[in-house]
Amino acid sequence: MNKNRAVEIVSSFARQTIVVIGDVMLDEYIWGEVNRISPEAPVLVVDAKRNSHVPGGAANVANNITALSASSAILGVIGNDAAGHNLLDSLNLSGVGSTGLVFTEDRPTTRKTRIIAHSQQVVRVDHETRAQIQGELLENLMVRLEQLSSIASALILSDYEKGVVTPAVIDACVSIAKARKIPITGNLKPRTITPNCRLTVLTLNRLEAGLALDGGALETDDDVLNAGRKLVERTGCEHVLITLGAKGLILFSASDPNAPFRVPARPVEVYDVAGAGDTTISVLTLALAAGATAAEAVTIANNAAAEVVKKVAVATVSADEVITSFEDFD
């Protein structure tokens, strides 16, 4: 893909509206310095200098989409607590549509607190409930799904195993996407993947791909190739994308599973991989909605992910940054 084609696709992002369904969370950061060891235990003492928070999980996917000049709406569940209200404020400030968020008294807002010292993560503390949503909470989410999907150019299932992306939610989203003939993508976790889930693109990393099959490690290139072909067959997805870290991405397509499309990783200085998967699926889905082929969408997403890992903490990239990352080649 040359830069002109990338510009054509990325320039169309602004005309898209993506609805994200999944596990929203608040990413909190405590920034500080380390100058001593605690006298109480052999642990670092972090002198906190400042605090910050940003949308995380599925909320970060929606935030990525808005940062790329598109419109986004988020569907999920948050607690009626300080973290939930902070998340709502952050989403509204970012321009993410938040009418799909359902408040509940029965579970806390998922919150990840990272302590950062000298640009390095020292420790992370998680607050969460993983029970699957059901009953009235699930019904309320389904109602909002029907309402918001009418404006969607594509749907994204963003699964962090916090209980929102259930089989019922997957089935409802797939049915809507197929009826409206729009792309539906998902970064489903291995235990969430259902037989014949029929997504347009299912994304997994190498570890997840192995766990989604027999649980074995994908140590060799042949292991990855075999896993990709099996996943296409078992899931009924049009495409399965396996991310391989420093070895890039590999896309398997149901139309020809024996001829995968490979995208090498771009050599960049990596500061933080947190949120890279969110950027990948955001850009991938936007590109599909904008009319890109699966191979083109994966190529653009790979460039975007390379840009975001240059930044410390969970971050986003802009459409201009994605375009600038391209160089013409044959």
C-alpha atoms as a PDB file:
ATOM      1  CA  MET A   1       0.000   0.000   0.000  1.00  0.00           C
ATOM      2  CA  ASN A   2       1.362   3.424  -0.865  1.00  0.00           C
ATOM      3  CA  LYS A   3       0.810   6.643   1.019  1.00  0.00           C
ATOM      4  CA  ASN A   4      -1.838   7.944  -1.400  1.00  0.00           C
ATOM      5  CA  ARG A   5      -4.082   4.938  -0.759  1.00  0.00           C
ATOM      6  CA  ALA A   6      -3.508   5.243   2.990  1.00  0.00           C
ATOM      7  CA  VAL A   7      -4.469   8.929   2.834  1.00  0.00           C
ATOM      8  CA  GLU A   8      -7.639   8.070   0.888  1.00  0.00           C
ATOM      9  CA  ILE A   9      -8.746   5.559   3.506  1.00  0.00           C
ATOM     10  CA  VAL A  10      -7.726   7.481   6.625  1.00  0.00           C
ATOM     11  CA  SER A  11      -9.312  10.673   5.285  1.00  0.00           C
ATOM     12  CA  SER A  12     -12.628   8.800   5.240  1.00  0.00           C
ATOM     13  CA  PHE A  13     -12.465   8.082   8.984  1.00  0.00           C
ATOM     14  CA  ALA A  14     -14.193  11.363   9.773  1.00  0.00           C
ATOM     15  CA  ARG A  15     -17.360  10.140   8.022  1.00  0.00           C
ATOM     16  CA  GLN A  16     -17.644   6.974  10.135  1.00  0.00           C
ATOM     17  CA  THR A  17     -19.503   6.264  13.378  1.00  0.00           C
ATOM     18  CA  ILE A  18     -18.315   3.248  15.338  1.00  0.00           C
ATOM     19  CA  VAL A  19     -20.235   1.696  18.224  1.00  0.00           C
ATOM     20  CA  VAL A  20     -18.065  -0.099  20.781  1.00  0.00           C
ATOM     21  CA  ILE A  21     -19.589  -2.741  23.053  1.00  0.00           C
ATOM     22  CA  GLY A  22     -17.602  -4.135  25.927  1.00  0.00           C
ATOM     23  CA  ASP A  23     -15.799  -3.829  29.229  1.00  0.00           C
ATOM     24  CA  VAL A  24     -15.222  -0.177  30.031  1.00  0.00           C
ATOM     25  CA  MET A  25     -12.747   0.817  32.717  1.00  0.00           C
ATOM     26  CA  LEU A  26     -10.867   3.741  34.162  1.00  0.00           C
ATOM     27  CA  ASP A  27      -7.076   3.776  33.826  1.00  0.00           C
ATOM     28  CA  GLU A  28      -5.582   5.725  36.719  1.00  0.00           C
ATOM     29  CA  TYR A  29      -1.947   6.821  36.973  1.00  0.00           C
ATOM     30  CA  ILE A  30       0.153   7.903  39.928  1.00  0.00           C
ATOM     31  CA  TRP A  31       3.301   9.583  38.620  1.00  0.00           C
ATOM     32  CA  GLY A  32       6.329   9.931  40.842  1.00  0.00           C
ATOM     33  CA  GLU A  33       9.998   9.322  41.588  1.00  0.00           C
ATOM     34  CA  VAL A  34      11.928   6.590  43.372  1.00  0.00           C
ATOM     35  CA  ASN A  35      14.861   7.583  45.576  1.00  0.00           C
ATOM     36  CA  ARG A  36      14.873   5.018  48.363  1.00  0.00           C
ATOM     37  CA  ILE A  37      13.857   1.567  49.607  1.00  0.00           C
ATOM     38  CA  SER A  38      11.195   1.235  52.290  1.00  0.00           C
ATOM     39  CA  PRO A  39      12.494   0.454  55.811  1.00  0.00           C
ATOM     40  CA  GLU A  40       9.328  -1.609  56.349  1.00  0.00           C
ATOM     41  CA  ALA A  41       9.917  -4.115  53.539  1.00  0.00           C
ATOM     42  CA  PRO A  42      12.282  -4.553  50.555  1.00  0.00           C
ATOM     43  CA  VAL A  43      10.114  -2.479  48.239  1.00  0.00           C
ATOM     44  CA  LEU A  44      10.522   0.814  46.388  1.00  0.00           C
ATOM     45  CA  VAL A  45       9.098   3.993  47.860  1.00  0.00           C
ATOM     46  CA  VAL A  46       7.464   6.152  45.180  1.00  0.00           C
ATOM     47  CA  ASP A  47       7.214   9.851  45.945  1.00  0.00           C
ATOM     48  CA  ALA A  48       3.952  10.725  44.201  1.00  0.00           C
ATOM     49  CA  LYS A  49       4.014  13.967  42.218  1.00  0.00           C
ATOM     50  CA  ARG A  50       0.720  13.940  40.333  1.00  0.00           C
ATOM     51  CA  ASN A  51      -2.322  11.811  39.463  1.00  0.00           C
ATOM     52  CA  SER A  52      -4.198  11.414  36.177  1.00  0.00           C
ATOM     53  CA  HIS A  53      -6.827   9.194  34.625  1.00  0.00           C
ATOM     54  CA  VAL A  54      -8.006   8.271  31.128  1.00  0.00           C
ATOM     55  CA  PRO A  55     -10.661   5.969  29.640  1.00  0.00           C
ATOM     56  CA  GLY A  56      -9.476   2.353  29.535  1.00  0.00           C
ATOM     57  CA  GLY A  57     -10.538  -0.988  28.083  1.00  0.00           C
ATOM     58  CA  ALA A  58     -13.488  -0.666  25.718  1.00  0.00           C
ATOM     59  CA  ALA A  59     -13.674   3.016  26.649  1.00  0.00           C
ATOM     60  CA  ASN A  60     -10.136   3.458  25.339  1.00  0.00           C
ATOM     61  CA  VAL A  61     -11.178   1.850  22.048  1.00  0.00           C
ATOM     62  CA  ALA A  62     -13.955   4.428  21.723  1.00  0.00           C
ATOM     63  CA  ASN A  63     -11.506   7.158  22.731  1.00  0.00           C
ATOM     64  CA  ASN A  64      -9.075   5.977  20.036  1.00  0.00           C
ATOM     65  CA  ILE A  65     -11.809   6.250  17.419  1.00  0.00           C
ATOM     66  CA  THR A  66     -12.675   9.810  18.406  1.00  0.00           C
ATOM     67  CA  ALA A  67      -8.962  10.746  18.392  1.00  0.00           C
ATOM     68  CA  LEU A  68      -8.860   9.505  14.780  1.00  0.00           C
ATOM     69  CA  SER A  69     -11.482  12.131  13.808  1.00  0.00           C
ATOM     70  CA  ALA A  70     -14.386   9.652  13.659  1.00  0.00           C
ATOM     71  CA  SER A  71     -17.503   9.527  15.826  1.00  0.00           C
ATOM     72  CA  SER A  72     -17.868   6.856  18.488  1.00  0.00           C
ATOM     73  CA  ALA A  73     -20.402   5.630  21.014  1.00  0.00           C
ATOM     74  CA  ILE A  74     -19.720   3.280  23.904  1.00  0.00           C
ATOM     75  CA  LEU A  75     -21.966   0.564  25.336  1.00  0.00           C
ATOM     76  CA  GLY A  76     -21.052  -0.887  28.702  1.00  0.00           C
ATOM     77  CA  VAL A  77     -21.657  -1.054  32.431  1.00  0.00           C
ATOM     78  CA  ILE A  78     -20.185   1.203  35.133  1.00  0.00           C
ATOM     79  CA  GLY A  79     -20.669   1.438  38.867  1.00  0.00           C
ATOM     80  CA  ASN A  80     -22.345   4.370  40.535  1.00  0.00           C
ATOM     81  CA  ASP A  81     -19.046   5.347  42.135  1.00  0.00           C
ATOM     82  CA  ALA A  82     -16.317   7.970  41.850  1.00  0.00           C
ATOM     83  CA  ALA A  83     -14.435   5.990  39.205  1.00  0.00           C
ATOM     84  CA  GLY A  84     -17.595   5.654  37.116  1.00  0.00           C
ATOM     85  CA  HIS A  85     -18.293   9.366  37.233  1.00  0.00           C
ATOM     86  CA  ASN A  86     -14.652  10.178  36.450  1.00  0.00           C
ATOM     87  CA  LEU A  87     -14.845   7.851  33.454  1.00  0.00           C
ATOM     88  CA  LEU A  88     -18.067   9.451  32.259  1.00  0.00           C
ATOM     89  CA  ASP A  89     -16.540  12.922  32.555  1.00  0.00           C
ATOM     90  CA  SER A  90     -13.436  11.809  30.624  1.00  0.00           C
ATOM     91  CA  LEU A  91     -15.510  10.297  27.821  1.00  0.00           C
ATOM     92  CA  ASN A  92     -17.686  13.372  27.522  1.00  0.00           C
ATOM     93  CA  LEU A  93     -14.583  15.568  27.433  1.00  0.00           C
ATOM     94  CA  SER A  94     -13.173  13.392  24.615  1.00  0.00           C
ATOM     95  CA  GLY A  95     -16.403  13.605  22.620  1.00  0.00           C
ATOM     96  CA  VAL A  96     -17.316   9.928  22.981  1.00  0.00           C
ATOM     97  CA  GLY A  97     -21.070   9.245  22.972  1.00  0.00           C
ATOM     98  CA  SER A  98     -21.878   7.880  26.435  1.00  0.00           C
ATOM     99  CA  THR A  99     -25.651   7.335  26.334  1.00  0.00           C
ATOM    100  CA  GLY A 100     -25.000   3.592  26.022  1.00  0.00           C
ATOM    101  CA  LEU A 101     -23.441   3.363  29.492  1.00  0.00           C
ATOM    102  CA  VAL A 102     -25.606   1.661  32.090  1.00  0.00           C
ATOM    103  CA  PHE A 103     -25.054   2.585  35.748  1.00  0.00           C
ATOM    104  CA  THR A 104     -25.437  -0.096  38.415  1.00  0.00           C
ATOM    105  CA  GLU A 105     -25.182  -0.278  42.196  1.00  0.00           C
ATOM    106  CA  ASP A 106     -24.307  -3.991  42.079  1.00  0.00           C
ATOM    107  CA  ARG A 107     -20.740  -3.837  40.786  1.00  0.00           C
ATOM    108  CA  PRO A 108     -17.878  -1.339  40.843  1.00  0.00           C
ATOM    109  CA  THR A 109     -16.450   0.437  37.851  1.00  0.00           C
ATOM    110  CA  THR A 110     -13.437  -1.543  36.657  1.00  0.00           C
ATOM    111  CA  ARG A 111     -10.383   0.485  37.632  1.00  0.00           C
ATOM    112  CA  LYS A 112      -6.671  -0.113  36.967  1.00  0.00           C
ATOM    113  CA  THR A 113      -4.265   2.021  38.970  1.00  0.00           C
ATOM    114  CA  ARG A 114      -0.700   2.136  37.643  1.00  0.00           C
ATOM    115  CA  ILE A 115       2.175   3.637  39.604  1.00  0.00           C
ATOM    116  CA  ILE A 116       4.786   5.141  37.267  1.00  0.00           C
ATOM    117  CA  ALA A 117       8.258   6.209  38.386  1.00  0.00           C
ATOM    118  CA  HIS A 118      10.811   7.720  35.999  1.00  0.00           C
ATOM    119  CA  SER A 119       8.622   6.680  33.004  1.00  0.00           C
ATOM    120  CA  GLN A 120       8.592   3.024  34.175  1.00  0.00           C
ATOM    121  CA  GLN A 121       5.575   1.172  35.558  1.00  0.00           C
ATOM    122  CA  VAL A 122       6.325  -0.041  39.091  1.00  0.00           C
ATOM    123  CA  VAL A 123       3.085  -1.822  39.986  1.00  0.00           C
ATOM    124  CA  ARG A 124      -0.582  -2.026  38.977  1.00  0.00           C
ATOM    125  CA  VAL A 125      -3.591  -2.386  41.276  1.00  0.00           C
ATOM    126  CA  ASP A 126      -6.925  -3.629  39.855  1.00  0.00           C
ATOM    127  CA  HIS A 127     -10.446  -3.117  41.211  1.00  0.00           C
ATOM    128  CA  GLU A 128     -13.031  -5.187  39.334  1.00  0.00           C
ATOM    129  CA  THR A 129     -15.862  -7.725  39.225  1.00  0.00           C
ATOM    130  CA  ARG A 130     -15.824 -10.388  36.517  1.00  0.00           C
ATOM    131  CA  ALA A 131     -19.327 -11.840  36.903  1.00  0.00           C
ATOM    132  CA  GLN A 132     -21.316 -11.867  33.662  1.00  0.00           C
ATOM    133  CA  ILE A 133     -24.079  -9.294  33.426  1.00  0.00           C
ATOM    134  CA  GLN A 134     -27.588 -10.708  33.418  1.00  0.00           C
ATOM    135  CA  GLY A 135     -31.217  -9.910  34.139  1.00  0.00           C
ATOM    136  CA  GLU A 136     -32.305  -6.265  34.037  1.00  0.00           C
ATOM    137  CA  LEU A 137     -28.741  -5.055  33.509  1.00  0.00           C
ATOM    138  CA  LEU A 138     -28.388  -7.162  30.356  1.00  0.00           C
ATOM    139  CA  GLU A 139     -31.846  -6.121  29.139  1.00  0.00           C
ATOM    140  CA  ASN A 140     -30.982  -2.431  29.545  1.00  0.00           C
ATOM    141  CA  LEU A 141     -27.785  -2.914  27.573  1.00  0.00           C
ATOM    142  CA  MET A 142     -29.653  -4.687  24.772  1.00  0.00           C
ATOM    143  CA  VAL A 143     -32.150  -1.842  24.486  1.00  0.00           C
ATOM    144  CA  ARG A 144     -29.351   0.669  24.102  1.00  0.00           C
ATOM    145  CA  LEU A 145     -27.620  -1.586  21.577  1.00  0.00           C
ATOM    146  CA  GLU A 146     -30.708  -1.524  19.360  1.00  0.00           C
ATOM    147  CA  GLN A 147     -30.894   2.255  19.611  1.00  0.00           C
ATOM    148  CA  LEU A 148     -27.235   3.035  18.916  1.00  0.00           C
ATOM    149  CA  SER A 149     -26.610   0.429  16.229  1.00  0.00           C
ATOM    150  CA  SER A 150     -28.917   2.282  13.862  1.00  0.00           C
ATOM    151  CA  ILE A 151     -26.249   4.990  13.427  1.00  0.00           C
ATOM    152  CA  ALA A 152     -23.240   2.660  13.256  1.00  0.00           C
ATOM    153  CA  SER A 153     -20.843   2.262  10.335  1.00  0.00           C
ATOM    154  CA  ALA A 154     -19.348  -0.725  12.193  1.00  0.00           C
ATOM    155  CA  LEU A 155     -19.452  -2.488  15.571  1.00  0.00           C
ATOM    156  CA  ILE A 156     -16.552  -3.465  17.820  1.00  0.00           C
ATOM    157  CA  LEU A 157     -16.714  -6.062  20.600  1.00  0.00           C
ATOM    158  CA  SER A 158     -14.038  -5.115  23.127  1.00  0.00           C
ATOM    159  CA  ASP A 159     -13.622  -7.972  25.596  1.00  0.00           C
ATOM    160  CA  TYR A 160     -11.540  -7.841  28.769  1.00  0.00           C
ATOM    161  CA  GLU A 161     -13.396 -10.664  30.537  1.00  0.00           C
ATOM    162  CA  LYS A 162     -15.170  -8.328  32.945  1.00  0.00           C
ATOM    163  CA  GLY A 163     -18.603  -9.776  32.182  1.00  0.00           C
ATOM    164  CA  VAL A 164     -20.164  -7.567  29.488  1.00  0.00           C
ATOM    165  CA  VAL A 165     -19.280  -9.488  26.311  1.00  0.00           C
ATOM    166  CA  THR A 166     -21.480 -12.543  26.915  1.00  0.00           C
ATOM    167  CA  PRO A 167     -22.658 -15.065  24.277  1.00  0.00           C
ATOM    168  CA  ALA A 168     -26.021 -13.297  24.195  1.00  0.00           C
ATOM    169  CA  VAL A 169     -24.351  -9.934  23.539  1.00  0.00           C
ATOM    170  CA  ILE A 170     -22.129 -11.413  20.822  1.00  0.00           C
ATOM    171  CA  ASP A 171     -25.106 -13.042  19.078  1.00  0.00           C
ATOM    172  CA  ALA A 172     -27.149  -9.836  19.211  1.00  0.00           C
ATOM    173  CA  CYS A 173     -24.294  -7.730  17.818  1.00  0.00           C
ATOM    174  CA  VAL A 174     -23.547 -10.189  15.009  1.00  0.00           C
ATOM    175  CA  SER A 175     -27.213 -10.378  14.028  1.00  0.00           C
ATOM    176  CA  ILE A 176     -27.452  -6.592  13.871  1.00  0.00           C
ATOM    177  CA  ALA A 177     -24.235  -6.253  11.868  1.00  0.00           C
ATOM    178  CA  LYS A 178     -25.250  -8.926   9.359  1.00  0.00           C
ATOM    179  CA  ALA A 179     -28.729  -7.410   8.947  1.00  0.00           C
ATOM    180  CA  ARG A 180     -27.277  -3.936   8.363  1.00  0.00           C
ATOM    181  CA  LYS A 181     -24.355  -5.265   6.270  1.00  0.00           C
ATOM    182  CA  ILE A 182     -21.731  -3.440   8.321  1.00  0.00           C
ATOM    183  CA  PRO A 183     -18.399  -4.802   9.632  1.00  0.00           C
ATOM    184  CA  ILE A 184     -18.192  -6.272  13.119  1.00  0.00           C
ATOM    185  CA  THR A 185     -14.819  -6.869  14.722  1.00  0.00           C
ATOM    186  CA  GLY A 186     -13.815  -8.234  18.105  1.00  0.00           C
ATOM    187  CA  ASN A 187     -10.790  -8.665  20.318  1.00  0.00           C
ATOM    188  CA  LEU A 188     -12.495 -11.573  22.093  1.00  0.00           C
ATOM    189  CA  LYS A 189     -10.658 -13.421  24.831  1.00  0.00           C
ATOM    190  CA  PRO A 190     -10.225 -17.192  24.335  1.00  0.00           C
ATOM    191  CA  ARG A 191     -12.908 -18.166  26.867  1.00  0.00           C
ATOM    192  CA  THR A 192     -15.378 -15.760  25.253  1.00  0.00           C
ATOM    193  CA  ILE A 193     -15.014 -17.039  21.688  1.00  0.00           C
ATOM    194  CA  THR A 194     -18.065 -19.019  20.675  1.00  0.00           C
ATOM    195  CA  PRO A 195     -18.242 -21.564  17.831  1.00  0.00           C
ATOM    196  CA  ASN A 196     -19.412 -19.917  14.630  1.00  0.00           C
ATOM    197  CA  CYS A 197     -19.310 -16.400  16.104  1.00  0.00           C
ATOM    198  CA  ARG A 198     -19.121 -15.063  12.509  1.00  0.00           C
ATOM    199  CA  LEU A 199     -17.272 -11.782  13.040  1.00  0.00           C
ATOM    200  CA  THR A 200     -15.832  -9.865  10.118  1.00  0.00           C
ATOM    201  CA  VAL A 201     -12.451  -9.888  11.873  1.00  0.00           C
ATOM    202  CA  LEU A 202     -11.463 -11.633  15.107  1.00  0.00           C
ATOM    203  CA  THR A 203      -8.190 -10.381  16.615  1.00  0.00           C
ATOM    204  CA  LEU A 204      -5.981 -12.295  19.070  1.00  0.00           C
ATOM    205  CA  ASN A 205      -2.367 -12.235  20.139  1.00  0.00           C
ATOM    206  CA  ARG A 206      -0.153 -15.318  19.884  1.00  0.00           C
ATOM    207  CA  LEU A 207      -0.868 -16.498  23.445  1.00  0.00           C
ATOM    208  CA  GLU A 208      -4.623 -16.027  23.056  1.00  0.00           C
ATOM    209  CA  ALA A 209      -4.664 -17.898  19.743  1.00  0.00           C
ATOM    210  CA  GLY A 210      -3.060 -20.899  21.398  1.00  0.00           C
ATOM    211  CA  LEU A 211      -5.435 -20.793  24.351  1.00  0.00           C
ATOM    212  CA  ALA A 212      -8.430 -20.523  22.014  1.00  0.00           C
ATOM    213  CA  LEU A 213      -7.535 -23.926  20.557  1.00  0.00           C
ATOM    214  CA  ASP A 214      -6.009 -26.621  22.767  1.00  0.00           C
ATOM    215  CA  GLY A 215      -4.144 -24.290  25.084  1.00  0.00           C
ATOM    216  CA  GLY A 216      -0.765 -25.121  23.584  1.00  0.00           C
ATOM    217  CA  ALA A 217       1.927 -22.539  22.978  1.00  0.00           C
ATOM    218  CA  LEU A 218       2.418 -21.378  19.383  1.00  0.00           C
ATOM    219  CA  GLU A 219       6.200 -21.601  19.379  1.00  0.00           C
ATOM    220  CA  THR A 220       6.958 -21.952  15.674  1.00  0.00           C
ATOM    221  CA  ASP A 221       5.771 -20.330  12.481  1.00  0.00           C
ATOM    222  CA  ASP A 222       4.028 -23.586  11.532  1.00  0.00           C
ATOM    223  CA  ASP A 223       2.193 -23.539  14.873  1.00  0.00           C
ATOM    224  CA  VAL A 224       0.850 -20.066  14.088  1.00  0.00           C
ATOM    225  CA  LEU A 225      -0.170 -21.053  10.563  1.00  0.00           C
ATOM    226  CA  ASN A 226      -2.021 -24.127  11.782  1.00  0.00           C
ATOM    227  CA  ALA A 227      -3.730 -22.154  14.532  1.00  0.00           C
ATOM    228  CA  GLY A 228      -4.893 -19.439  12.148  1.00  0.00           C
ATOM    229  CA  ARG A 229      -6.428 -21.941   9.752  1.00  0.00           C
ATOM    230  CA  LYS A 230      -8.187 -23.796  12.578  1.00  0.00           C
ATOM    231  CA  LEU A 231      -9.551 -20.589  14.088  1.00  0.00           C
ATOM    232  CA  VAL A 232     -11.037 -19.466  10.776  1.00  0.00           C
ATOM    233  CA  GLU A 233     -12.777 -22.840  10.464  1.00  0.00           C
ATOM    234  CA  ARG A 234     -14.016 -23.045  14.063  1.00  0.00           C
ATOM    235  CA  THR A 235     -15.243 -19.479  14.437  1.00  0.00           C
ATOM    236  CA  GLY A 236     -16.868 -18.934  11.055  1.00  0.00           C
ATOM    237  CA  CYS A 237     -15.206 -15.502  10.965  1.00  0.00           C
ATOM    238  CA  GLU A 238     -14.365 -13.943   7.618  1.00  0.00           C
ATOM    239  CA  HIS A 239     -10.876 -13.122   8.899  1.00  0.00           C
ATOM    240  CA  VAL A 240      -8.723 -13.969  11.922  1.00  0.00           C
ATOM    241  CA  LEU A 241      -5.851 -11.622  12.783  1.00  0.00           C
ATOM    242  CA  ILE A 242      -3.051 -12.896  15.027  1.00  0.00           C
ATOM    243  CA  THR A 243      -0.679 -10.276  16.392  1.00  0.00           C
ATOM    244  CA  LEU A 244       2.895 -11.489  16.911  1.00  0.00           C
ATOM    245  CA  GLY A 245       4.586  -8.599  18.700  1.00  0.00           C
ATOM    246  CA  ALA A 246       7.999  -7.939  17.198  1.00  0.00           C
ATOM    247  CA  LYS A 247       7.181 -10.332  14.349  1.00  0.00           C
ATOM    248  CA  GLY A 248       4.248  -8.251  13.126  1.00  0.00           C
ATOM    249  CA  LEU A 249       0.748  -9.401  12.195  1.00  0.00           C
ATOM    250  CA  ILE A 250      -0.677 -12.266  10.188  1.00  0.00           C
ATOM    251  CA  LEU A 251      -4.173 -12.267   8.679  1.00  0.00           C
ATOM    252  CA  PHE A 252      -6.046 -15.470   7.805  1.00  0.00           C
ATOM    253  CA  SER A 253      -9.086 -15.259   5.527  1.00  0.00           C
ATOM    254  CA  ALA A 254     -11.874 -17.777   5.092  1.00  0.00           C
ATOM    255  CA  SER A 255     -11.714 -17.250   1.323  1.00  0.00           C
ATOM    256  CA  ASP A 256      -8.174 -18.696   1.274  1.00  0.00           C
ATOM    257  CA  PRO A 257      -6.927 -19.759   4.735  1.00  0.00           C
ATOM    258  CA  ASN A 258      -3.816 -21.358   3.254  1.00  0.00           C
ATOM    259  CA  ALA A 259      -2.542 -18.017   1.925  1.00  0.00           C
ATOM    260  CA  PRO A 260      -2.264 -15.710   4.954  1.00  0.00           C
ATOM    261  CA  PHE A 261      -1.313 -12.056   4.594  1.00  0.00           C
ATOM    262  CA  ARG A 262       1.722 -11.032   6.634  1.00  0.00           C
ATOM    263  CA  VAL A 263       2.592  -7.544   7.825  1.00  0.00           C
ATOM    264  CA  PRO A 264       6.055  -7.107   9.381  1.00  0.00           C
ATOM    265  CA  ALA A 265       6.415  -5.063  12.541  1.00  0.00           C
ATOM    266  CA  ARG A 266       7.707  -1.542  12.078  1.00  0.00           C
ATOM    267  CA  PRO A 267      11.000  -0.933  13.899  1.00  0.00           C
ATOM    268  CA  VAL A 268      10.311   1.771  16.481  1.00  0.00           C
ATOM    269  CA  GLU A 269      11.503   2.568  19.994  1.00  0.00           C
ATOM    270  CA  VAL A 270       8.875   1.096  22.294  1.00  0.00           C
ATOM    271  CA  TYR A 271       8.037   2.965  25.487  1.00  0.00           C
ATOM    272  CA  ASP A 272       4.734   1.331  26.477  1.00  0.00           C
ATOM    273  CA  VAL A 273       2.647  -1.400  24.809  1.00  0.00           C
ATOM    274  CA  ALA A 274      -0.413  -0.669  26.988  1.00  0.00           C
ATOM    275  CA  GLY A 275      -3.363   0.061  24.723  1.00  0.00           C
ATOM    276  CA  ALA A 276      -1.656  -1.053  21.497  1.00  0.00           C
ATOM    277  CA  GLY A 277      -4.331  -3.699  20.950  1.00  0.00           C
ATOM    278  CA  ASP A 278      -7.045  -1.067  21.371  1.00  0.00           C
ATOM    279  CA  THR A 279      -5.404   1.098  18.720  1.00  0.00           C
ATOM    280  CA  THR A 280      -5.057  -1.869  16.366  1.00  0.00           C
ATOM    281  CA  ILE A 281      -8.722  -2.842  16.463  1.00  0.00           C
ATOM    282  CA  SER A 282      -9.885   0.798  16.346  1.00  0.00           C
ATOM    283  CA  VAL A 283      -7.944   1.612  13.187  1.00  0.00           C
ATOM    284  CA  LEU A 284      -8.660  -1.776  11.627  1.00  0.00           C
ATOM    285  CA  THR A 285     -12.410  -1.308  12.072  1.00  0.00           C
ATOM    286  CA  LEU A 286     -12.420   2.290  10.881  1.00  0.00           C
ATOM    287  CA  ALA A 287     -10.530   1.290   7.761  1.00  0.00           C
ATOM    288  CA  LEU A 288     -13.012  -1.502   7.006  1.00  0.00           C
ATOM    289  CA  ALA A 289     -15.917   0.900   7.510  1.00  0.00           C
ATOM    290  CA  ALA A 290     -14.179   3.327   5.128  1.00  0.00           C
ATOM    291  CA  GLY A 291     -14.053   0.706   2.379  1.00  0.00           C
ATOM    292  CA  ALA A 292     -10.570  -0.768   2.822  1.00  0.00           C
ATOM    293  CA  THR A 293      -9.868  -4.410   2.101  1.00  0.00           C
ATOM    294  CA  ALA A 294      -8.917  -6.540   5.093  1.00  0.00           C
ATOM    295  CA  ALA A 295      -5.264  -6.501   4.016  1.00  0.00           C
ATOM    296  CA  GLU A 296      -5.270  -2.707   3.670  1.00  0.00           C
ATOM    297  CA  ALA A 297      -6.989  -2.320   7.036  1.00  0.00           C
ATOM    298  CA  VAL A 298      -4.423  -4.526   8.774  1.00  0.00           C
ATOM    299  CA  THR A 299      -1.538  -2.615   7.191  1.00  0.00           C
ATOM    300  CA  ILE A 300      -2.887   0.741   8.381  1.00  0.00           C
ATOM    301  CA  ALA A 301      -3.609  -0.674  11.847  1.00  0.00           C
ATOM    302  CA  ASN A 302      -0.050  -1.977  12.108  1.00  0.00           C
ATOM    303  CA  ASN A 303       1.349   1.484  11.368  1.00  0.00           C
ATOM    304  CA  ALA A 304      -0.980   3.057  13.938  1.00  0.00           C
ATOM    305  CA  ALA A 305       0.027   0.578  16.649  1.00  0.00           C
ATOM    306  CA  ALA A 306       3.695   1.333  15.968  1.00  0.00           C
ATOM    307  CA  GLU A 307       2.971   5.002  16.592  1.00  0.00           C
ATOM    308  CA  VAL A 308       1.092   4.482  19.850  1.00  0.00           C
ATOM    309  CA  VAL A 309       3.758   2.304  21.511  1.00  0.00           C
ATOM    310  CA  LYS A 310       6.163   5.235  21.242  1.00  0.00           C
ATOM    311  CA  LYS A 311       4.089   6.972  23.930  1.00  0.00           C
ATOM    312  CA  VAL A 312       4.112   6.374  27.685  1.00  0.00           C
ATOM    313  CA  ALA A 313       0.895   4.958  29.237  1.00  0.00           C
ATOM    314  CA  VAL A 314      -2.382   4.161  27.492  1.00  0.00           C
ATOM    315  CA  ALA A 315      -2.527   6.631  24.606  1.00  0.00           C
ATOM    316  CA  THR A 316      -4.148   7.354  21.258  1.00  0.00           C
ATOM    317  CA  VAL A 317      -2.958   8.373  17.805  1.00  0.00           C
ATOM    318  CA  SER A 318      -4.381  10.940  15.421  1.00  0.00           C
ATOM    319  CA  ALA A 319      -5.311  10.483  11.778  1.00  0.00           C
ATOM    320  CA  ASP A 320      -2.420  12.783  10.843  1.00  0.00           C
ATOM    321  CA  GLU A 321       0.040  10.615  12.779  1.00  0.00           C
ATOM    322  CA  VAL A 322      -1.174   7.519  10.967  1.00  0.00           C
ATOM    323  CA  ILE A 323      -0.814   9.184   7.561  1.00  0.00           C
ATOM    324  CA  THR A 324       2.645  10.525   8.406  1.00  0.00           C
ATOM    325  CA  SER A 325       3.790   7.018   9.369  1.00  0.00           C
ATOM    326  CA  PHE A 326       3.508   5.853   5.770  1.00  0.00           C
ATOM    327  CA  GLU A 327       6.248   5.940   3.183  1.00  0.00           C
ATOM    328  CA  ASP A 328       5.666   5.116  -0.467  1.00  0.00           C
ATOM    329  CA  PHE A 329       6.784   1.687  -1.541  1.00  0.00           C
ATOM    330  CA  ASP A 330       6.054  -0.637  -4.459  1.00  0.00           C
END
